[in-house]
Amino acid sequence: MGKLQGKVAVITGGASGIGAATARLFVSEGAKVVLVDLNEEKGKAFESELKASQAEALFVKANITSEEDVANVFEQAVATFGKVDVVFNNAGIGRVTPTHDLDYAEWRNTVNVDLDGVFLVARASIREMLKAGGGVIVNTASMYGWVGSPGSAAYNAAKGGVVNLTRSLGLEYAEHNIRVNALCPGFIDTPIIPEESKQVLATMTPMKRLGQAEEMAKAVLFLASDDSSYMTGGSLVVDGGYTAQ
């Protein structure tokens, strides 16, 4: 029996990268998955791929900065599968811009997606999990929620906010059987990283390579399953040693 047998998992940013790798691992562990993404073409194609492998999957197009879209995700999840047990709160964006060149609109957009959107999904998750008597939320933060990085002021501020939001929610809902933890990835080999940057980033990492999306998925599975049953409000840093420097 899989570690998530019979569980229903909502995965934002689920059409590619870490989200997609996590969805594949979750269904192999017995979960039904709700894939949430802005990219409808990729999302529907991935839903079809999973269904073709006999997995139970649903794609819902949503902008996580929209309260209406987020509410609809959970309405669709419950209408289709009857409940929500696990939420991988993973959607996010990132961009490097020197702070003196950073437009306020760009700052707001980054914080809106990477922090406000995480809050909106977490709040909707908690509302559903309170009705159901418990659940698990895994928020995607970053190693840059712990250390600084030149040119990433908005991203770092947002991800630091996710780390502390996770602490707060973990404490607030511990007695309600809702566990909330954060994944803090390092440099991961996903489409968000340009090919020309990969070698430089690998060199910056003590293990001298980029992480793989599948490695992050295994960490998410740990946080989402009973393997981490005594963990809440915490952060799991998986960064090839970067923050240990």
C-alpha atoms as a PDB file:
ATOM      1  CA  MET A   1       0.000   0.000   0.000  1.00  0.00           C
ATOM      2  CA  GLY A   2       1.305   3.452  -0.923  1.00  0.00           C
ATOM      3  CA  LYS A   3       2.154   6.165   1.566  1.00  0.00           C
ATOM      4  CA  LEU A   4      -0.742   8.300   0.252  1.00  0.00           C
ATOM      5  CA  GLN A   5      -3.201   5.503  -0.482  1.00  0.00           C
ATOM      6  CA  GLY A   6      -6.710   6.921  -0.799  1.00  0.00           C
ATOM      7  CA  LYS A   7      -5.582  10.500  -0.203  1.00  0.00           C
ATOM      8  CA  VAL A   8      -6.616  13.459  -2.354  1.00  0.00           C
ATOM      9  CA  ALA A   9      -3.814  15.919  -3.075  1.00  0.00           C
ATOM     10  CA  VAL A  10      -4.069  19.404  -4.576  1.00  0.00           C
ATOM     11  CA  ILE A  11      -0.848  20.527  -6.291  1.00  0.00           C
ATOM     12  CA  THR A  12      -0.449  24.121  -7.452  1.00  0.00           C
ATOM     13  CA  GLY A  13       2.089  24.743 -10.182  1.00  0.00           C
ATOM     14  CA  GLY A  14       1.301  21.146 -11.019  1.00  0.00           C
ATOM     15  CA  ALA A  15       1.789  21.129 -14.785  1.00  0.00           C
ATOM     16  CA  SER A  16       5.595  21.142 -14.856  1.00  0.00           C
ATOM     17  CA  GLY A  17       8.810  21.077 -12.846  1.00  0.00           C
ATOM     18  CA  ILE A  18       8.674  20.116  -9.172  1.00  0.00           C
ATOM     19  CA  GLY A  19       4.869  20.124  -9.198  1.00  0.00           C
ATOM     20  CA  ALA A  20       4.626  17.605 -12.029  1.00  0.00           C
ATOM     21  CA  ALA A  21       7.341  15.379 -10.556  1.00  0.00           C
ATOM     22  CA  THR A  22       5.474  15.417  -7.256  1.00  0.00           C
ATOM     23  CA  ALA A  23       2.183  14.546  -8.943  1.00  0.00           C
ATOM     24  CA  ARG A  24       3.784  11.519 -10.600  1.00  0.00           C
ATOM     25  CA  LEU A  25       5.223  10.344  -7.297  1.00  0.00           C
ATOM     26  CA  PHE A  26       1.990  10.969  -5.410  1.00  0.00           C
ATOM     27  CA  VAL A  27      -0.109   8.894  -7.802  1.00  0.00           C
ATOM     28  CA  SER A  28       2.473   6.085  -7.596  1.00  0.00           C
ATOM     29  CA  GLU A  29       1.884   6.186  -3.830  1.00  0.00           C
ATOM     30  CA  GLY A  30      -1.886   5.856  -4.219  1.00  0.00           C
ATOM     31  CA  ALA A  31      -3.080   9.458  -4.259  1.00  0.00           C
ATOM     32  CA  LYS A  32      -5.686  11.112  -6.436  1.00  0.00           C
ATOM     33  CA  VAL A  33      -4.333  14.441  -7.661  1.00  0.00           C
ATOM     34  CA  VAL A  34      -5.810  17.810  -8.542  1.00  0.00           C
ATOM     35  CA  LEU A  35      -3.405  19.658 -10.830  1.00  0.00           C
ATOM     36  CA  VAL A  36      -3.607  23.450 -10.614  1.00  0.00           C
ATOM     37  CA  ASP A  37      -1.821  25.692 -13.098  1.00  0.00           C
ATOM     38  CA  LEU A  38      -2.263  28.774 -15.266  1.00  0.00           C
ATOM     39  CA  ASN A  39      -0.975  26.894 -18.321  1.00  0.00           C
ATOM     40  CA  GLU A  40      -4.120  25.172 -19.552  1.00  0.00           C
ATOM     41  CA  GLU A  41      -2.450  23.396 -22.459  1.00  0.00           C
ATOM     42  CA  LYS A  42       0.235  21.786 -20.304  1.00  0.00           C
ATOM     43  CA  GLY A  43      -2.213  21.097 -17.503  1.00  0.00           C
ATOM     44  CA  LYS A  44      -4.728  19.255 -19.661  1.00  0.00           C
ATOM     45  CA  ALA A  45      -1.974  17.295 -21.421  1.00  0.00           C
ATOM     46  CA  PHE A  46      -0.539  16.203 -18.074  1.00  0.00           C
ATOM     47  CA  GLU A  47      -3.992  15.266 -16.786  1.00  0.00           C
ATOM     48  CA  SER A  48      -4.446  13.059 -19.862  1.00  0.00           C
ATOM     49  CA  GLU A  49      -0.996  11.510 -19.353  1.00  0.00           C
ATOM     50  CA  LEU A  50      -1.790  10.575 -15.762  1.00  0.00           C
ATOM     51  CA  LYS A  51      -5.225   9.204 -16.629  1.00  0.00           C
ATOM     52  CA  ALA A  52      -3.679   7.103 -19.379  1.00  0.00           C
ATOM     53  CA  SER A  53      -1.547   5.460 -16.683  1.00  0.00           C
ATOM     54  CA  GLN A  54      -4.740   4.619 -14.729  1.00  0.00           C
ATOM     55  CA  ALA A  55      -4.240   7.413 -12.197  1.00  0.00           C
ATOM     56  CA  GLU A  56      -7.146   9.528 -10.957  1.00  0.00           C
ATOM     57  CA  ALA A  57      -6.396  13.131 -11.878  1.00  0.00           C
ATOM     58  CA  LEU A  58      -8.185  16.426 -12.434  1.00  0.00           C
ATOM     59  CA  PHE A  59      -6.818  19.627 -13.952  1.00  0.00           C
ATOM     60  CA  VAL A  60      -8.177  22.996 -12.822  1.00  0.00           C
ATOM     61  CA  LYS A  61      -6.915  26.200 -14.423  1.00  0.00           C
ATOM     62  CA  ALA A  62      -6.381  28.864 -11.781  1.00  0.00           C
ATOM     63  CA  ASN A  63      -4.498  32.006 -10.899  1.00  0.00           C
ATOM     64  CA  ILE A  64      -3.517  31.556  -7.252  1.00  0.00           C
ATOM     65  CA  THR A  65      -3.649  35.321  -6.671  1.00  0.00           C
ATOM     66  CA  SER A  66      -7.395  35.253  -7.342  1.00  0.00           C
ATOM     67  CA  GLU A  67      -9.602  34.433  -4.358  1.00  0.00           C
ATOM     68  CA  GLU A  68     -12.339  33.263  -6.732  1.00  0.00           C
ATOM     69  CA  ASP A  69      -9.983  30.958  -8.641  1.00  0.00           C
ATOM     70  CA  VAL A  70      -8.596  29.456  -5.454  1.00  0.00           C
ATOM     71  CA  ALA A  71     -12.081  28.859  -4.059  1.00  0.00           C
ATOM     72  CA  ASN A  72     -13.044  27.161  -7.315  1.00  0.00           C
ATOM     73  CA  VAL A  73     -10.055  24.801  -7.075  1.00  0.00           C
ATOM     74  CA  PHE A  74     -11.264  23.433  -3.768  1.00  0.00           C
ATOM     75  CA  GLU A  75     -14.884  23.315  -4.884  1.00  0.00           C
ATOM     76  CA  GLN A  76     -13.858  21.257  -7.918  1.00  0.00           C
ATOM     77  CA  ALA A  77     -11.592  19.005  -5.847  1.00  0.00           C
ATOM     78  CA  VAL A  78     -14.318  18.203  -3.332  1.00  0.00           C
ATOM     79  CA  ALA A  79     -16.992  17.828  -6.020  1.00  0.00           C
ATOM     80  CA  THR A  80     -14.814  15.340  -7.933  1.00  0.00           C
ATOM     81  CA  PHE A  81     -13.049  13.403  -5.182  1.00  0.00           C
ATOM     82  CA  GLY A  82     -15.061  14.189  -2.062  1.00  0.00           C
ATOM     83  CA  LYS A  83     -12.312  15.664   0.102  1.00  0.00           C
ATOM     84  CA  VAL A  84      -8.835  17.239   0.260  1.00  0.00           C
ATOM     85  CA  ASP A  85      -6.175  15.593   2.434  1.00  0.00           C
ATOM     86  CA  VAL A  86      -2.918  17.101   1.168  1.00  0.00           C
ATOM     87  CA  VAL A  87      -2.053  20.411  -0.459  1.00  0.00           C
ATOM     88  CA  PHE A  88       1.305  21.063  -2.110  1.00  0.00           C
ATOM     89  CA  ASN A  89       1.276  24.870  -2.240  1.00  0.00           C
ATOM     90  CA  ASN A  90       3.932  25.110  -4.924  1.00  0.00           C
ATOM     91  CA  ALA A  91       3.114  27.722  -7.582  1.00  0.00           C
ATOM     92  CA  GLY A  92       5.562  30.599  -7.796  1.00  0.00           C
ATOM     93  CA  ILE A  93       7.669  32.857  -9.997  1.00  0.00           C
ATOM     94  CA  GLY A  94      11.181  34.267  -9.860  1.00  0.00           C
ATOM     95  CA  ARG A  95      13.292  36.848 -11.628  1.00  0.00           C
ATOM     96  CA  VAL A  96      16.672  38.485 -11.053  1.00  0.00           C
ATOM     97  CA  THR A  97      16.671  42.287 -11.256  1.00  0.00           C
ATOM     98  CA  PRO A  98      19.013  44.739  -9.508  1.00  0.00           C
ATOM     99  CA  THR A  99      17.011  46.434  -6.778  1.00  0.00           C
ATOM    100  CA  HIS A 100      17.686  49.952  -8.071  1.00  0.00           C
ATOM    101  CA  ASP A 101      16.127  48.870 -11.398  1.00  0.00           C
ATOM    102  CA  LEU A 102      13.226  46.997  -9.809  1.00  0.00           C
ATOM    103  CA  ASP A 103       9.866  48.489 -10.750  1.00  0.00           C
ATOM    104  CA  TYR A 104       7.315  48.536  -7.957  1.00  0.00           C
ATOM    105  CA  ALA A 105       4.914  46.695 -10.260  1.00  0.00           C
ATOM    106  CA  GLU A 106       7.440  43.864 -10.613  1.00  0.00           C
ATOM    107  CA  TRP A 107       7.966  43.803  -6.835  1.00  0.00           C
ATOM    108  CA  ARG A 108       4.220  43.623  -6.251  1.00  0.00           C
ATOM    109  CA  ASN A 109       3.726  40.881  -8.850  1.00  0.00           C
ATOM    110  CA  THR A 110       6.467  38.702  -7.326  1.00  0.00           C
ATOM    111  CA  VAL A 111       5.225  39.145  -3.769  1.00  0.00           C
ATOM    112  CA  ASN A 112       1.630  38.723  -4.937  1.00  0.00           C
ATOM    113  CA  VAL A 113       2.330  35.303  -6.452  1.00  0.00           C
ATOM    114  CA  ASP A 114       5.053  34.006  -4.132  1.00  0.00           C
ATOM    115  CA  LEU A 115       3.568  35.102  -0.804  1.00  0.00           C
ATOM    116  CA  ASP A 116      -0.010  36.339  -1.193  1.00  0.00           C
ATOM    117  CA  GLY A 117      -0.882  33.410  -3.448  1.00  0.00           C
ATOM    118  CA  VAL A 118       0.615  30.951  -0.975  1.00  0.00           C
ATOM    119  CA  PHE A 119      -1.494  32.547   1.766  1.00  0.00           C
ATOM    120  CA  LEU A 120      -4.702  32.320  -0.288  1.00  0.00           C
ATOM    121  CA  VAL A 121      -4.169  28.645  -1.071  1.00  0.00           C
ATOM    122  CA  ALA A 122      -3.190  27.872   2.527  1.00  0.00           C
ATOM    123  CA  ARG A 123      -6.262  29.656   3.872  1.00  0.00           C
ATOM    124  CA  ALA A 124      -8.581  27.761   1.536  1.00  0.00           C
ATOM    125  CA  SER A 125      -6.821  24.514   2.442  1.00  0.00           C
ATOM    126  CA  ILE A 126      -7.244  25.124   6.157  1.00  0.00           C
ATOM    127  CA  ARG A 127     -10.935  25.943   5.778  1.00  0.00           C
ATOM    128  CA  GLU A 128     -11.499  22.613   4.036  1.00  0.00           C
ATOM    129  CA  MET A 129      -9.280  20.659   6.433  1.00  0.00           C
ATOM    130  CA  LEU A 130     -11.041  22.063   9.502  1.00  0.00           C
ATOM    131  CA  LYS A 131     -14.279  20.581   8.160  1.00  0.00           C
ATOM    132  CA  ALA A 132     -12.589  17.249   7.490  1.00  0.00           C
ATOM    133  CA  GLY A 133     -10.778  16.971  10.814  1.00  0.00           C
ATOM    134  CA  GLY A 134      -7.230  17.457   9.581  1.00  0.00           C
ATOM    135  CA  GLY A 135      -4.785  17.438   6.698  1.00  0.00           C
ATOM    136  CA  VAL A 136      -1.312  18.373   5.541  1.00  0.00           C
ATOM    137  CA  ILE A 137      -0.022  21.470   3.759  1.00  0.00           C
ATOM    138  CA  VAL A 138       3.433  21.708   2.196  1.00  0.00           C
ATOM    139  CA  ASN A 139       4.429  25.223   1.127  1.00  0.00           C
ATOM    140  CA  THR A 140       7.233  25.750  -1.372  1.00  0.00           C
ATOM    141  CA  ALA A 141       9.618  28.348   0.036  1.00  0.00           C
ATOM    142  CA  SER A 142      13.277  28.386  -1.017  1.00  0.00           C
ATOM    143  CA  MET A 143      16.798  28.294   0.363  1.00  0.00           C
ATOM    144  CA  TYR A 144      16.513  32.020  -0.348  1.00  0.00           C
ATOM    145  CA  GLY A 145      13.961  32.198   2.420  1.00  0.00           C
ATOM    146  CA  TRP A 146      16.990  31.671   4.695  1.00  0.00           C
ATOM    147  CA  VAL A 147      19.854  33.508   2.987  1.00  0.00           C
ATOM    148  CA  GLY A 148      20.145  36.570   0.799  1.00  0.00           C
ATOM    149  CA  SER A 149      20.932  36.806  -2.896  1.00  0.00           C
ATOM    150  CA  PRO A 150      21.870  39.926  -4.890  1.00  0.00           C
ATOM    151  CA  GLY A 151      19.217  40.972  -7.395  1.00  0.00           C
ATOM    152  CA  SER A 152      16.407  38.933  -5.859  1.00  0.00           C
ATOM    153  CA  ALA A 153      14.994  41.281  -3.244  1.00  0.00           C
ATOM    154  CA  ALA A 154      11.330  40.637  -4.018  1.00  0.00           C
ATOM    155  CA  TYR A 155      11.745  36.872  -4.346  1.00  0.00           C
ATOM    156  CA  ASN A 156      13.825  36.610  -1.164  1.00  0.00           C
ATOM    157  CA  ALA A 157      11.393  38.742   0.814  1.00  0.00           C
ATOM    158  CA  ALA A 158       8.449  36.661  -0.356  1.00  0.00           C
ATOM    159  CA  LYS A 159      10.126  33.324   0.333  1.00  0.00           C
ATOM    160  CA  GLY A 160      11.260  34.499   3.767  1.00  0.00           C
ATOM    161  CA  GLY A 161       7.628  35.369   4.346  1.00  0.00           C
ATOM    162  CA  VAL A 162       6.584  31.847   3.331  1.00  0.00           C
ATOM    163  CA  VAL A 163       9.009  30.345   5.866  1.00  0.00           C
ATOM    164  CA  ASN A 164       7.546  32.414   8.692  1.00  0.00           C
ATOM    165  CA  LEU A 165       3.960  32.012   7.471  1.00  0.00           C
ATOM    166  CA  THR A 166       4.584  28.272   7.650  1.00  0.00           C
ATOM    167  CA  ARG A 167       5.788  28.571  11.245  1.00  0.00           C
ATOM    168  CA  SER A 168       2.721  30.585  12.202  1.00  0.00           C
ATOM    169  CA  LEU A 169       0.232  28.258  10.551  1.00  0.00           C
ATOM    170  CA  GLY A 170       1.949  25.193  11.961  1.00  0.00           C
ATOM    171  CA  LEU A 171       1.532  26.580  15.470  1.00  0.00           C
ATOM    172  CA  GLU A 172      -1.976  27.891  14.961  1.00  0.00           C
ATOM    173  CA  TYR A 173      -3.444  24.640  13.650  1.00  0.00           C
ATOM    174  CA  ALA A 174      -1.349  21.992  15.421  1.00  0.00           C
ATOM    175  CA  GLU A 175      -4.226  21.170  17.777  1.00  0.00           C
ATOM    176  CA  HIS A 176      -6.575  20.819  14.802  1.00  0.00           C
ATOM    177  CA  ASN A 177      -4.605  17.926  13.264  1.00  0.00           C
ATOM    178  CA  ILE A 178      -3.406  20.143  10.405  1.00  0.00           C
ATOM    179  CA  ARG A 179       0.325  19.979   9.801  1.00  0.00           C
ATOM    180  CA  VAL A 180       2.024  22.771   7.826  1.00  0.00           C
ATOM    181  CA  ASN A 181       5.648  22.564   6.697  1.00  0.00           C
ATOM    182  CA  ALA A 182       7.797  24.151   4.005  1.00  0.00           C
ATOM    183  CA  LEU A 183      10.104  22.754   1.357  1.00  0.00           C
ATOM    184  CA  CYS A 184      13.136  24.976   0.727  1.00  0.00           C
ATOM    185  CA  PRO A 185      14.778  23.888  -2.548  1.00  0.00           C
ATOM    186  CA  GLY A 186      18.137  25.002  -3.852  1.00  0.00           C
ATOM    187  CA  PHE A 187      18.968  25.301  -7.541  1.00  0.00           C
ATOM    188  CA  ILE A 188      16.796  22.729  -9.308  1.00  0.00           C
ATOM    189  CA  ASP A 189      17.110  21.625 -12.928  1.00  0.00           C
ATOM    190  CA  THR A 190      13.703  22.744 -14.186  1.00  0.00           C
ATOM    191  CA  PRO A 191      12.606  24.837 -17.198  1.00  0.00           C
ATOM    192  CA  ILE A 192      12.610  27.993 -15.050  1.00  0.00           C
ATOM    193  CA  ILE A 193      16.452  28.005 -15.096  1.00  0.00           C
ATOM    194  CA  PRO A 194      17.990  29.098 -18.427  1.00  0.00           C
ATOM    195  CA  GLU A 195      20.421  26.594 -19.945  1.00  0.00           C
ATOM    196  CA  GLU A 196      23.229  29.165 -19.948  1.00  0.00           C
ATOM    197  CA  SER A 197      22.911  29.601 -16.155  1.00  0.00           C
ATOM    198  CA  LYS A 198      22.935  25.949 -15.131  1.00  0.00           C
ATOM    199  CA  GLN A 199      26.683  25.384 -15.003  1.00  0.00           C
ATOM    200  CA  VAL A 200      27.281  28.569 -13.033  1.00  0.00           C
ATOM    201  CA  LEU A 201      24.646  27.614 -10.482  1.00  0.00           C
ATOM    202  CA  ALA A 202      26.037  24.088 -10.216  1.00  0.00           C
ATOM    203  CA  THR A 203      29.473  25.538  -9.487  1.00  0.00           C
ATOM    204  CA  MET A 204      27.977  27.663  -6.692  1.00  0.00           C
ATOM    205  CA  THR A 205      26.587  24.536  -5.024  1.00  0.00           C
ATOM    206  CA  PRO A 206      28.860  22.458  -2.750  1.00  0.00           C
ATOM    207  CA  MET A 207      27.665  19.216  -4.396  1.00  0.00           C
ATOM    208  CA  LYS A 208      28.598  20.751  -7.774  1.00  0.00           C
ATOM    209  CA  ARG A 209      25.342  19.863  -9.481  1.00  0.00           C
ATOM    210  CA  LEU A 210      21.762  21.029  -9.731  1.00  0.00           C
ATOM    211  CA  GLY A 211      19.051  19.206  -7.863  1.00  0.00           C
ATOM    212  CA  GLN A 212      16.462  17.204  -9.774  1.00  0.00           C
ATOM    213  CA  ALA A 213      12.713  17.722  -9.600  1.00  0.00           C
ATOM    214  CA  GLU A 214      12.338  14.067  -8.625  1.00  0.00           C
ATOM    215  CA  GLU A 215      14.578  14.643  -5.588  1.00  0.00           C
ATOM    216  CA  MET A 216      12.327  17.488  -4.473  1.00  0.00           C
ATOM    217  CA  ALA A 217       9.261  15.300  -4.995  1.00  0.00           C
ATOM    218  CA  LYS A 218      10.659  12.726  -2.567  1.00  0.00           C
ATOM    219  CA  ALA A 219      11.117  15.458   0.033  1.00  0.00           C
ATOM    220  CA  VAL A 220       7.531  16.629  -0.523  1.00  0.00           C
ATOM    221  CA  LEU A 221       6.304  13.040  -0.110  1.00  0.00           C
ATOM    222  CA  PHE A 222       8.090  12.870   3.246  1.00  0.00           C
ATOM    223  CA  LEU A 223       6.414  16.088   4.392  1.00  0.00           C
ATOM    224  CA  ALA A 224       2.996  15.068   3.030  1.00  0.00           C
ATOM    225  CA  SER A 225       2.945  11.554   4.463  1.00  0.00           C
ATOM    226  CA  ASP A 226       2.898  10.092   7.957  1.00  0.00           C
ATOM    227  CA  ASP A 227       6.685   9.719   7.719  1.00  0.00           C
ATOM    228  CA  SER A 228       6.797  13.302   9.069  1.00  0.00           C
ATOM    229  CA  SER A 229       3.890  12.887  11.489  1.00  0.00           C
ATOM    230  CA  TYR A 230       5.659  14.719  14.354  1.00  0.00           C
ATOM    231  CA  MET A 231       6.726  17.689  12.222  1.00  0.00           C
ATOM    232  CA  THR A 232       4.850  20.963  11.837  1.00  0.00           C
ATOM    233  CA  GLY A 233       5.850  24.593  11.397  1.00  0.00           C
ATOM    234  CA  GLY A 234       9.197  23.436  10.070  1.00  0.00           C
ATOM    235  CA  SER A 235      11.239  23.828   6.920  1.00  0.00           C
ATOM    236  CA  LEU A 236      13.113  21.141   5.046  1.00  0.00           C
ATOM    237  CA  VAL A 237      16.102  22.626   3.220  1.00  0.00           C
ATOM    238  CA  VAL A 238      17.165  20.531   0.218  1.00  0.00           C
ATOM    239  CA  ASP A 239      19.871  22.587  -1.476  1.00  0.00           C
ATOM    240  CA  GLY A 240      23.000  20.512  -2.112  1.00  0.00           C
ATOM    241  CA  GLY A 241      24.696  22.204   0.838  1.00  0.00           C
ATOM    242  CA  TYR A 242      24.314  25.807  -0.380  1.00  0.00           C
ATOM    243  CA  THR A 243      23.046  27.297   2.893  1.00  0.00           C
ATOM    244  CA  ALA A 244      25.655  25.392   4.931  1.00  0.00           C
ATOM    245  CA  GLN A 245      28.427  27.538   3.439  1.00  0.00           C
END
